[in-house]
Amino acid sequence: MCIRDRHRIDQTELRYFLMGGTATDNIKENPTGEHGWLENRKWALIEEVAKYLPHFYGLDQDFITQINQWQKIHDATSLEAMQLPDPWNTKLSQFQALIIHRIL
């Protein structure tokens, strides 16, 4: 009946996907710089999911260490064809990966 029940999508993750994040300020400095390829608002959203959604803990740190791989996903014209960097490509469900693609 409900998409949450059928596919066991976490209610908080579903709400985040449908409504988007609320973060506007960065806790850490944007790893791409002030005028880099990643907007400050998007970096704030990455920090937000890493802090508040348990399956995404560590995403912000991984984003910094694998910045080149994340830029390839950001710049891709066909995001569904881009595989997330390890360990996110196996750690997250397809739905959770959509949350990242929505942010980027």
PDB file of N, CA and C in Angstrom:
ATOM      1  N   MET A   1       0.818  -1.182   0.000  1.00  0.00           N
ATOM      2  CA  MET A   1       0.000   0.000   0.000  1.00  0.00           C
ATOM      3  C   MET A   1       0.875   1.265   0.000  1.00  0.00           C
ATOM      4  N   CYS A   2       1.511   1.499   1.108  1.00  0.00           N
ATOM      5  CA  CYS A   2       2.360   2.678   1.223  1.00  0.00           C
ATOM      6  C   CYS A   2       3.768   2.338   0.738  1.00  0.00           C
ATOM      7  N   ILE A   3       4.388   3.241   0.001  1.00  0.00           N
ATOM      8  CA  ILE A   3       5.731   2.988  -0.530  1.00  0.00           C
ATOM      9  C   ILE A   3       6.705   2.666   0.604  1.00  0.00           C
ATOM     10  N   ARG A   4       6.533   3.303   1.745  1.00  0.00           N
ATOM     11  CA  ARG A   4       7.406   3.055   2.883  1.00  0.00           C
ATOM     12  C   ARG A   4       7.323   1.607   3.334  1.00  0.00           C
ATOM     13  N   ASP A   5       6.108   1.078   3.431  1.00  0.00           N
ATOM     14  CA  ASP A   5       5.923  -0.285   3.909  1.00  0.00           C
ATOM     15  C   ASP A   5       6.385  -1.310   2.886  1.00  0.00           C
ATOM     16  N   ARG A   6       6.059  -1.084   1.647  1.00  0.00           N
ATOM     17  CA  ARG A   6       6.419  -2.042   0.598  1.00  0.00           C
ATOM     18  C   ARG A   6       7.915  -2.192   0.438  1.00  0.00           C
ATOM     19  N   HIS A   7       8.634  -1.118   0.481  1.00  0.00           N
ATOM     20  CA  HIS A   7      10.068  -1.154   0.194  1.00  0.00           C
ATOM     21  C   HIS A   7      10.924  -0.799   1.402  1.00  0.00           C
ATOM     22  N   ARG A   8      10.299  -0.649   2.538  1.00  0.00           N
ATOM     23  CA  ARG A   8      10.984  -0.351   3.793  1.00  0.00           C
ATOM     24  C   ARG A   8      11.862   0.897   3.707  1.00  0.00           C
ATOM     25  N   ILE A   9      11.309   1.936   3.156  1.00  0.00           N
ATOM     26  CA  ILE A   9      12.013   3.212   3.084  1.00  0.00           C
ATOM     27  C   ILE A   9      11.827   3.924   4.411  1.00  0.00           C
ATOM     28  N   ASP A  10      12.921   4.362   4.971  1.00  0.00           N
ATOM     29  CA  ASP A  10      12.900   5.091   6.228  1.00  0.00           C
ATOM     30  C   ASP A  10      12.063   6.360   6.071  1.00  0.00           C
ATOM     31  N   GLN A  11      11.163   6.606   7.031  1.00  0.00           N
ATOM     32  CA  GLN A  11      10.264   7.747   6.959  1.00  0.00           C
ATOM     33  C   GLN A  11      11.024   9.076   6.925  1.00  0.00           C
ATOM     34  N   THR A  12      12.081   9.197   7.694  1.00  0.00           N
ATOM     35  CA  THR A  12      12.870  10.431   7.714  1.00  0.00           C
ATOM     36  C   THR A  12      13.550  10.653   6.374  1.00  0.00           C
ATOM     37  N   GLU A  13      14.079   9.578   5.776  1.00  0.00           N
ATOM     38  CA  GLU A  13      14.730   9.684   4.469  1.00  0.00           C
ATOM     39  C   GLU A  13      13.708  10.042   3.389  1.00  0.00           C
ATOM     40  N   LEU A  14      12.528   9.447   3.460  1.00  0.00           N
ATOM     41  CA  LEU A  14      11.474   9.760   2.489  1.00  0.00           C
ATOM     42  C   LEU A  14      11.084  11.229   2.598  1.00  0.00           C
ATOM     43  N   ARG A  15      10.897  11.713   3.802  1.00  0.00           N
ATOM     44  CA  ARG A  15      10.538  13.114   4.005  1.00  0.00           C
ATOM     45  C   ARG A  15      11.644  14.028   3.466  1.00  0.00           C
ATOM     46  N   TYR A  16      12.901  13.658   3.736  1.00  0.00           N
ATOM     47  CA  TYR A  16      14.027  14.467   3.249  1.00  0.00           C
ATOM     48  C   TYR A  16      14.040  14.503   1.724  1.00  0.00           C
ATOM     49  N   PHE A  17      13.809  13.347   1.110  1.00  0.00           N
ATOM     50  CA  PHE A  17      13.820  13.278  -0.351  1.00  0.00           C
ATOM     51  C   PHE A  17      12.700  14.129  -0.944  1.00  0.00           C
ATOM     52  N   LEU A  18      11.518  14.052  -0.367  1.00  0.00           N
ATOM     53  CA  LEU A  18      10.366  14.768  -0.920  1.00  0.00           C
ATOM     54  C   LEU A  18      10.411  16.267  -0.656  1.00  0.00           C
ATOM     55  N   MET A  19      10.869  16.651   0.521  1.00  0.00           N
ATOM     56  CA  MET A  19      10.823  18.059   0.913  1.00  0.00           C
ATOM     57  C   MET A  19      12.157  18.779   0.784  1.00  0.00           C
ATOM     58  N   GLY A  20      13.230  18.031   0.728  1.00  0.00           N
ATOM     59  CA  GLY A  20      14.549  18.644   0.662  1.00  0.00           C
ATOM     60  C   GLY A  20      15.050  19.006   2.044  1.00  0.00           C
ATOM     61  N   GLY A  21      16.277  19.435   2.081  1.00  0.00           N
ATOM     62  CA  GLY A  21      16.907  19.785   3.342  1.00  0.00           C
ATOM     63  C   GLY A  21      16.622  21.214   3.741  1.00  0.00           C
ATOM     64  N   THR A  22      17.028  21.535   4.943  1.00  0.00           N
ATOM     65  CA  THR A  22      16.811  22.886   5.465  1.00  0.00           C
ATOM     66  C   THR A  22      18.115  23.621   5.733  1.00  0.00           C
ATOM     67  N   ALA A  23      19.232  22.945   5.578  1.00  0.00           N
ATOM     68  CA  ALA A  23      20.529  23.560   5.896  1.00  0.00           C
ATOM     69  C   ALA A  23      20.823  24.711   4.943  1.00  0.00           C
ATOM     70  N   THR A  24      21.298  25.790   5.522  1.00  0.00           N
ATOM     71  CA  THR A  24      21.711  26.935   4.712  1.00  0.00           C
ATOM     72  C   THR A  24      23.137  27.375   5.028  1.00  0.00           C
ATOM     73  N   ASP A  25      23.621  26.999   6.200  1.00  0.00           N
ATOM     74  CA  ASP A  25      24.966  27.396   6.614  1.00  0.00           C
ATOM     75  C   ASP A  25      25.873  26.183   6.694  1.00  0.00           C
ATOM     76  N   ASN A  26      27.101  26.378   6.283  1.00  0.00           N
ATOM     77  CA  ASN A  26      28.096  25.313   6.351  1.00  0.00           C
ATOM     78  C   ASN A  26      28.721  25.273   7.726  1.00  0.00           C
ATOM     79  N   ILE A  27      28.939  24.049   8.202  1.00  0.00           N
ATOM     80  CA  ILE A  27      29.662  23.871   9.448  1.00  0.00           C
ATOM     81  C   ILE A  27      31.161  23.880   9.137  1.00  0.00           C
ATOM     82  N   LYS A  28      31.521  23.095   8.130  1.00  0.00           N
ATOM     83  CA  LYS A  28      32.905  23.045   7.663  1.00  0.00           C
ATOM     84  C   LYS A  28      32.996  23.842   6.364  1.00  0.00           C
ATOM     85  N   GLU A  29      34.189  24.257   6.046  1.00  0.00           N
ATOM     86  CA  GLU A  29      34.407  25.003   4.802  1.00  0.00           C
ATOM     87  C   GLU A  29      34.137  24.108   3.597  1.00  0.00           C
ATOM     88  N   ASN A  30      33.523  24.670   2.584  1.00  0.00           N
ATOM     89  CA  ASN A  30      33.246  23.962   1.340  1.00  0.00           C
ATOM     90  C   ASN A  30      34.570  23.448   0.766  1.00  0.00           C
ATOM     91  N   PRO A  31      34.691  22.131   0.555  1.00  0.00           N
ATOM     92  CA  PRO A  31      35.968  21.579   0.095  1.00  0.00           C
ATOM     93  C   PRO A  31      36.343  21.984  -1.331  1.00  0.00           C
ATOM     94  N   THR A  32      35.411  22.553  -2.081  1.00  0.00           N
ATOM     95  CA  THR A  32      35.736  22.984  -3.442  1.00  0.00           C
ATOM     96  C   THR A  32      36.062  24.477  -3.503  1.00  0.00           C
ATOM     97  N   GLY A  33      36.077  25.120  -2.350  1.00  0.00           N
ATOM     98  CA  GLY A  33      36.372  26.548  -2.299  1.00  0.00           C
ATOM     99  C   GLY A  33      35.119  27.387  -2.461  1.00  0.00           C
ATOM    100  N   GLU A  34      35.277  28.668  -2.229  1.00  0.00           N
ATOM    101  CA  GLU A  34      34.128  29.583  -2.256  1.00  0.00           C
ATOM    102  C   GLU A  34      33.449  29.644  -3.619  1.00  0.00           C
ATOM    103  N   HIS A  35      34.216  29.563  -4.681  1.00  0.00           N
ATOM    104  CA  HIS A  35      33.646  29.623  -6.033  1.00  0.00           C
ATOM    105  C   HIS A  35      33.908  28.332  -6.802  1.00  0.00           C
ATOM    106  N   GLY A  36      33.966  27.217  -6.070  1.00  0.00           N
ATOM    107  CA  GLY A  36      34.238  25.925  -6.689  1.00  0.00           C
ATOM    108  C   GLY A  36      33.009  25.343  -7.373  1.00  0.00           C
ATOM    109  N   TRP A  37      33.139  24.121  -7.830  1.00  0.00           N
ATOM    110  CA  TRP A  37      32.069  23.470  -8.592  1.00  0.00           C
ATOM    111  C   TRP A  37      30.871  23.088  -7.738  1.00  0.00           C
ATOM    112  N   LEU A  38      31.047  23.011  -6.425  1.00  0.00           N
ATOM    113  CA  LEU A  38      29.947  22.652  -5.533  1.00  0.00           C
ATOM    114  C   LEU A  38      29.468  23.905  -4.800  1.00  0.00           C
ATOM    115  N   GLU A  39      28.214  24.242  -4.988  1.00  0.00           N
ATOM    116  CA  GLU A  39      27.650  25.420  -4.334  1.00  0.00           C
ATOM    117  C   GLU A  39      27.649  25.217  -2.817  1.00  0.00           C
ATOM    118  N   ASN A  40      27.815  26.309  -2.077  1.00  0.00           N
ATOM    119  CA  ASN A  40      27.820  26.241  -0.616  1.00  0.00           C
ATOM    120  C   ASN A  40      26.536  25.611  -0.083  1.00  0.00           C
ATOM    121  N   ARG A  41      25.411  25.910  -0.685  1.00  0.00           N
ATOM    122  CA  ARG A  41      24.120  25.347  -0.246  1.00  0.00           C
ATOM    123  C   ARG A  41      24.139  23.821  -0.373  1.00  0.00           C
ATOM    124  N   LYS A  42      24.688  23.303  -1.457  1.00  0.00           N
ATOM    125  CA  LYS A  42      24.765  21.848  -1.637  1.00  0.00           C
ATOM    126  C   LYS A  42      25.703  21.218  -0.609  1.00  0.00           C
ATOM    127  N   TRP A  43      26.799  21.891  -0.319  1.00  0.00           N
ATOM    128  CA  TRP A  43      27.719  21.381   0.698  1.00  0.00           C
ATOM    129  C   TRP A  43      27.019  21.355   2.063  1.00  0.00           C
ATOM    130  N   ALA A  44      26.235  22.380   2.370  1.00  0.00           N
ATOM    131  CA  ALA A  44      25.487  22.411   3.626  1.00  0.00           C
ATOM    132  C   ALA A  44      24.510  21.241   3.695  1.00  0.00           C
ATOM    133  N   LEU A  45      23.902  20.870   2.575  1.00  0.00           N
ATOM    134  CA  LEU A  45      22.973  19.735   2.551  1.00  0.00           C
ATOM    135  C   LEU A  45      23.712  18.408   2.755  1.00  0.00           C
ATOM    136  N   ILE A  46      24.905  18.294   2.186  1.00  0.00           N
ATOM    137  CA  ILE A  46      25.716  17.081   2.402  1.00  0.00           C
ATOM    138  C   ILE A  46      26.057  16.963   3.889  1.00  0.00           C
ATOM    139  N   GLU A  47      26.454  18.071   4.493  1.00  0.00           N
ATOM    140  CA  GLU A  47      26.734  18.059   5.929  1.00  0.00           C
ATOM    141  C   GLU A  47      25.490  17.682   6.729  1.00  0.00           C
ATOM    142  N   GLU A  48      24.351  18.170   6.289  1.00  0.00           N
ATOM    143  CA  GLU A  48      23.100  17.895   6.997  1.00  0.00           C
ATOM    144  C   GLU A  48      22.741  16.411   6.971  1.00  0.00           C
ATOM    145  N   VAL A  49      22.789  15.780   5.796  1.00  0.00           N
ATOM    146  CA  VAL A  49      22.438  14.351   5.749  1.00  0.00           C
ATOM    147  C   VAL A  49      23.460  13.523   6.522  1.00  0.00           C
ATOM    148  N   ALA A  50      24.727  13.923   6.478  1.00  0.00           N
ATOM    149  CA  ALA A  50      25.765  13.189   7.218  1.00  0.00           C
ATOM    150  C   ALA A  50      25.549  13.284   8.728  1.00  0.00           C
ATOM    151  N   LYS A  51      24.932  14.346   9.160  1.00  0.00           N
ATOM    152  CA  LYS A  51      24.711  14.552  10.592  1.00  0.00           C
ATOM    153  C   LYS A  51      23.399  13.924  11.073  1.00  0.00           C
ATOM    154  N   TYR A  52      22.346  13.988  10.269  1.00  0.00           N
ATOM    155  CA  TYR A  52      21.016  13.627  10.758  1.00  0.00           C
ATOM    156  C   TYR A  52      20.442  12.323  10.225  1.00  0.00           C
ATOM    157  N   LEU A  53      20.968  11.803   9.119  1.00  0.00           N
ATOM    158  CA  LEU A  53      20.449  10.543   8.579  1.00  0.00           C
ATOM    159  C   LEU A  53      21.492   9.450   8.815  1.00  0.00           C
ATOM    160  N   PRO A  54      21.191   8.495   9.670  1.00  0.00           N
ATOM    161  CA  PRO A  54      22.191   7.495  10.095  1.00  0.00           C
ATOM    162  C   PRO A  54      22.909   6.758   8.967  1.00  0.00           C
ATOM    163  N   HIS A  55      22.239   6.441   7.882  1.00  0.00           N
ATOM    164  CA  HIS A  55      22.894   5.710   6.791  1.00  0.00           C
ATOM    165  C   HIS A  55      23.935   6.555   6.056  1.00  0.00           C
ATOM    166  N   PHE A  56      23.921   7.865   6.313  1.00  0.00           N
ATOM    167  CA  PHE A  56      24.814   8.782   5.610  1.00  0.00           C
ATOM    168  C   PHE A  56      25.948   9.301   6.491  1.00  0.00           C
ATOM    169  N   TYR A  57      26.064   8.765   7.708  1.00  0.00           N
ATOM    170  CA  TYR A  57      27.139   9.195   8.602  1.00  0.00           C
ATOM    171  C   TYR A  57      28.489   8.994   7.905  1.00  0.00           C
ATOM    172  N   GLY A  58      29.318  10.023   7.933  1.00  0.00           N
ATOM    173  CA  GLY A  58      30.641   9.958   7.315  1.00  0.00           C
ATOM    174  C   GLY A  58      30.676  10.435   5.878  1.00  0.00           C
ATOM    175  N   LEU A  59      29.510  10.725   5.297  1.00  0.00           N
ATOM    176  CA  LEU A  59      29.476  11.161   3.898  1.00  0.00           C
ATOM    177  C   LEU A  59      30.273  12.442   3.697  1.00  0.00           C
ATOM    178  N   ASP A  60      30.143  13.378   4.608  1.00  0.00           N
ATOM    179  CA  ASP A  60      30.865  14.643   4.460  1.00  0.00           C
ATOM    180  C   ASP A  60      32.378  14.433   4.453  1.00  0.00           C
ATOM    181  N   GLN A  61      32.877  13.583   5.349  1.00  0.00           N
ATOM    182  CA  GLN A  61      34.317  13.298   5.373  1.00  0.00           C
ATOM    183  C   GLN A  61      34.761  12.569   4.107  1.00  0.00           C
ATOM    184  N   ASP A  62      33.956  11.602   3.668  1.00  0.00           N
ATOM    185  CA  ASP A  62      34.287  10.872   2.457  1.00  0.00           C
ATOM    186  C   ASP A  62      34.261  11.792   1.242  1.00  0.00           C
ATOM    187  N   PHE A  63      33.335  12.712   1.238  1.00  0.00           N
ATOM    188  CA  PHE A  63      33.242  13.672   0.140  1.00  0.00           C
ATOM    189  C   PHE A  63      34.549  14.452   0.002  1.00  0.00           C
ATOM    190  N   ILE A  64      35.107  14.838   1.136  1.00  0.00           N
ATOM    191  CA  ILE A  64      36.369  15.584   1.137  1.00  0.00           C
ATOM    192  C   ILE A  64      37.511  14.713   0.627  1.00  0.00           C
ATOM    193  N   THR A  65      37.588  13.455   1.077  1.00  0.00           N
ATOM    194  CA  THR A  65      38.717  12.596   0.698  1.00  0.00           C
ATOM    195  C   THR A  65      38.600  12.067  -0.728  1.00  0.00           C
ATOM    196  N   GLN A  66      37.378  12.000  -1.263  1.00  0.00           N
ATOM    197  CA  GLN A  66      37.186  11.488  -2.631  1.00  0.00           C
ATOM    198  C   GLN A  66      36.591  12.573  -3.536  1.00  0.00           C
ATOM    199  N   ILE A  67      37.050  13.785  -3.347  1.00  0.00           N
ATOM    200  CA  ILE A  67      36.456  14.943  -4.026  1.00  0.00           C
ATOM    201  C   ILE A  67      36.417  14.792  -5.551  1.00  0.00           C
ATOM    202  N   ASN A  68      37.445  14.187  -6.146  1.00  0.00           N
ATOM    203  CA  ASN A  68      37.466  14.036  -7.605  1.00  0.00           C
ATOM    204  C   ASN A  68      36.382  13.093  -8.101  1.00  0.00           C
ATOM    205  N   GLN A  69      36.136  12.001  -7.364  1.00  0.00           N
ATOM    206  CA  GLN A  69      35.081  11.056  -7.755  1.00  0.00           C
ATOM    207  C   GLN A  69      33.701  11.705  -7.633  1.00  0.00           C
ATOM    208  N   TRP A  70      33.512  12.508  -6.587  1.00  0.00           N
ATOM    209  CA  TRP A  70      32.227  13.184  -6.402  1.00  0.00           C
ATOM    210  C   TRP A  70      32.014  14.247  -7.473  1.00  0.00           C
ATOM    211  N   GLN A  71      33.075  14.890  -7.906  1.00  0.00           N
ATOM    212  CA  GLN A  71      32.922  15.891  -8.964  1.00  0.00           C
ATOM    213  C   GLN A  71      32.468  15.235 -10.261  1.00  0.00           C
ATOM    214  N   LYS A  72      32.978  14.037 -10.558  1.00  0.00           N
ATOM    215  CA  LYS A  72      32.542  13.327 -11.766  1.00  0.00           C
ATOM    216  C   LYS A  72      31.042  13.070 -11.734  1.00  0.00           C
ATOM    217  N   ILE A  73      30.531  12.709 -10.575  1.00  0.00           N
ATOM    218  CA  ILE A  73      29.090  12.476 -10.444  1.00  0.00           C
ATOM    219  C   ILE A  73      28.340  13.793 -10.587  1.00  0.00           C
ATOM    220  N   HIS A  74      28.842  14.831  -9.955  1.00  0.00           N
ATOM    221  CA  HIS A  74      28.221  16.153 -10.032  1.00  0.00           C
ATOM    222  C   HIS A  74      28.142  16.648 -11.474  1.00  0.00           C
ATOM    223  N   ASP A  75      29.197  16.426 -12.242  1.00  0.00           N
ATOM    224  CA  ASP A  75      29.278  16.946 -13.606  1.00  0.00           C
ATOM    225  C   ASP A  75      28.624  16.048 -14.651  1.00  0.00           C
ATOM    226  N   ALA A  76      28.250  14.842 -14.279  1.00  0.00           N
ATOM    227  CA  ALA A  76      27.698  13.880 -15.245  1.00  0.00           C
ATOM    228  C   ALA A  76      26.373  14.370 -15.798  1.00  0.00           C
ATOM    229  N   THR A  77      26.127  14.052 -17.051  1.00  0.00           N
ATOM    230  CA  THR A  77      24.851  14.410 -17.666  1.00  0.00           C
ATOM    231  C   THR A  77      23.813  13.319 -17.462  1.00  0.00           C
ATOM    232  N   SER A  78      24.257  12.129 -17.105  1.00  0.00           N
ATOM    233  CA  SER A  78      23.356  11.014 -16.852  1.00  0.00           C
ATOM    234  C   SER A  78      23.692  10.424 -15.476  1.00  0.00           C
ATOM    235  N   LEU A  79      23.125  11.018 -14.431  1.00  0.00           N
ATOM    236  CA  LEU A  79      23.479  10.619 -13.066  1.00  0.00           C
ATOM    237  C   LEU A  79      23.125   9.176 -12.761  1.00  0.00           C
ATOM    238  N   GLU A  80      22.050   8.672 -13.330  1.00  0.00           N
ATOM    239  CA  GLU A  80      21.679   7.290 -13.030  1.00  0.00           C
ATOM    240  C   GLU A  80      22.724   6.301 -13.510  1.00  0.00           C
ATOM    241  N   ALA A  81      23.558   6.694 -14.449  1.00  0.00           N
ATOM    242  CA  ALA A  81      24.619   5.815 -14.947  1.00  0.00           C
ATOM    243  C   ALA A  81      25.892   5.916 -14.101  1.00  0.00           C
ATOM    244  N   MET A  82      25.951   6.911 -13.230  1.00  0.00           N
ATOM    245  CA  MET A  82      27.149   7.114 -12.423  1.00  0.00           C
ATOM    246  C   MET A  82      27.040   6.357 -11.111  1.00  0.00           C
ATOM    247  N   GLN A  83      27.993   5.513 -10.849  1.00  0.00           N
ATOM    248  CA  GLN A  83      28.019   4.755  -9.608  1.00  0.00           C
ATOM    249  C   GLN A  83      28.670   5.602  -8.520  1.00  0.00           C
ATOM    250  N   LEU A  84      28.086   5.583  -7.342  1.00  0.00           N
ATOM    251  CA  LEU A  84      28.665   6.327  -6.230  1.00  0.00           C
ATOM    252  C   LEU A  84      30.011   5.710  -5.851  1.00  0.00           C
ATOM    253  N   PRO A  85      30.930   6.517  -5.316  1.00  0.00           N
ATOM    254  CA  PRO A  85      32.228   5.983  -4.876  1.00  0.00           C
ATOM    255  C   PRO A  85      32.051   4.986  -3.731  1.00  0.00           C
ATOM    256  N   ASP A  86      33.037   4.079  -3.587  1.00  0.00           N
ATOM    257  CA  ASP A  86      33.049   3.164  -2.448  1.00  0.00           C
ATOM    258  C   ASP A  86      33.146   3.974  -1.168  1.00  0.00           C
ATOM    259  N   PRO A  87      32.519   3.589  -0.130  1.00  0.00           N
ATOM    260  CA  PRO A  87      31.664   2.424   0.072  1.00  0.00           C
ATOM    261  C   PRO A  87      30.194   2.700  -0.207  1.00  0.00           C
ATOM    262  N   TRP A  88      29.887   3.907  -0.683  1.00  0.00           N
ATOM    263  CA  TRP A  88      28.491   4.336  -0.825  1.00  0.00           C
ATOM    264  C   TRP A  88      27.731   3.554  -1.890  1.00  0.00           C
ATOM    265  N   ASN A  89      28.432   3.033  -2.883  1.00  0.00           N
ATOM    266  CA  ASN A  89      27.762   2.272  -3.947  1.00  0.00           C
ATOM    267  C   ASN A  89      27.193   0.956  -3.438  1.00  0.00           C
ATOM    268  N   THR A  90      27.711   0.443  -2.314  1.00  0.00           N
ATOM    269  CA  THR A  90      27.163  -0.790  -1.745  1.00  0.00           C
ATOM    270  C   THR A  90      26.479  -0.545  -0.402  1.00  0.00           C
ATOM    271  N   LYS A  91      26.829   0.516   0.261  1.00  0.00           N
ATOM    272  CA  LYS A  91      26.288   0.817   1.581  1.00  0.00           C
ATOM    273  C   LYS A  91      24.854   1.342   1.511  1.00  0.00           C
ATOM    274  N   LEU A  92      24.552   2.117   0.487  1.00  0.00           N
ATOM    275  CA  LEU A  92      23.241   2.752   0.378  1.00  0.00           C
ATOM    276  C   LEU A  92      22.322   1.981  -0.554  1.00  0.00           C
ATOM    277  N   SER A  93      21.027   2.082  -0.274  1.00  0.00           N
ATOM    278  CA  SER A  93      20.024   1.515  -1.188  1.00  0.00           C
ATOM    279  C   SER A  93      19.907   2.428  -2.406  1.00  0.00           C
ATOM    280  N   GLN A  94      19.205   1.970  -3.408  1.00  0.00           N
ATOM    281  CA  GLN A  94      18.997   2.806  -4.600  1.00  0.00           C
ATOM    282  C   GLN A  94      18.254   4.082  -4.230  1.00  0.00           C
ATOM    283  N   PHE A  95      17.279   3.956  -3.336  1.00  0.00           N
ATOM    284  CA  PHE A  95      16.547   5.141  -2.901  1.00  0.00           C
ATOM    285  C   PHE A  95      17.468   6.122  -2.179  1.00  0.00           C
ATOM    286  N   GLN A  96      18.309   5.619  -1.293  1.00  0.00           N
ATOM    287  CA  GLN A  96      19.238   6.490  -0.566  1.00  0.00           C
ATOM    288  C   GLN A  96      20.217   7.166  -1.525  1.00  0.00           C
ATOM    289  N   ALA A  97      20.621   6.464  -2.564  1.00  0.00           N
ATOM    290  CA  ALA A  97      21.497   7.073  -3.570  1.00  0.00           C
ATOM    291  C   ALA A  97      20.783   8.227  -4.273  1.00  0.00           C
ATOM    292  N   LEU A  98      19.475   8.114  -4.445  1.00  0.00           N
ATOM    293  CA  LEU A  98      18.707   9.198  -5.051  1.00  0.00           C
ATOM    294  C   LEU A  98      18.761  10.467  -4.202  1.00  0.00           C
ATOM    295  N   ILE A  99      18.841  10.308  -2.905  1.00  0.00           N
ATOM    296  CA  ILE A  99      18.955  11.466  -2.027  1.00  0.00           C
ATOM    297  C   ILE A  99      20.236  12.225  -2.342  1.00  0.00           C
ATOM    298  N   ILE A 100      21.333  11.496  -2.540  1.00  0.00           N
ATOM    299  CA  ILE A 100      22.595  12.139  -2.898  1.00  0.00           C
ATOM    300  C   ILE A 100      22.487  12.807  -4.257  1.00  0.00           C
ATOM    301  N   HIS A 101      21.919  12.108  -5.228  1.00  0.00           N
ATOM    302  CA  HIS A 101      21.768  12.697  -6.561  1.00  0.00           C
ATOM    303  C   HIS A 101      20.875  13.950  -6.521  1.00  0.00           C
ATOM    304  N   ARG A 102      19.876  13.927  -5.672  1.00  0.00           N
ATOM    305  CA  ARG A 102      19.000  15.108  -5.536  1.00  0.00           C
ATOM    306  C   ARG A 102      19.791  16.301  -5.010  1.00  0.00           C
ATOM    307  N   ILE A 103      20.676  16.045  -4.071  1.00  0.00           N
ATOM    308  CA  ILE A 103      21.496  17.134  -3.514  1.00  0.00           C
ATOM    309  C   ILE A 103      22.444  17.691  -4.570  1.00  0.00           C
ATOM    310  N   LEU A 104      23.118  16.782  -5.295  1.00  0.00           N
ATOM    311  CA  LEU A 104      24.108  17.223  -6.274  1.00  0.00           C
ATOM    312  C   LEU A 104      23.456  17.829  -7.492  1.00  0.00           C
TER     313      LEU A 104
END
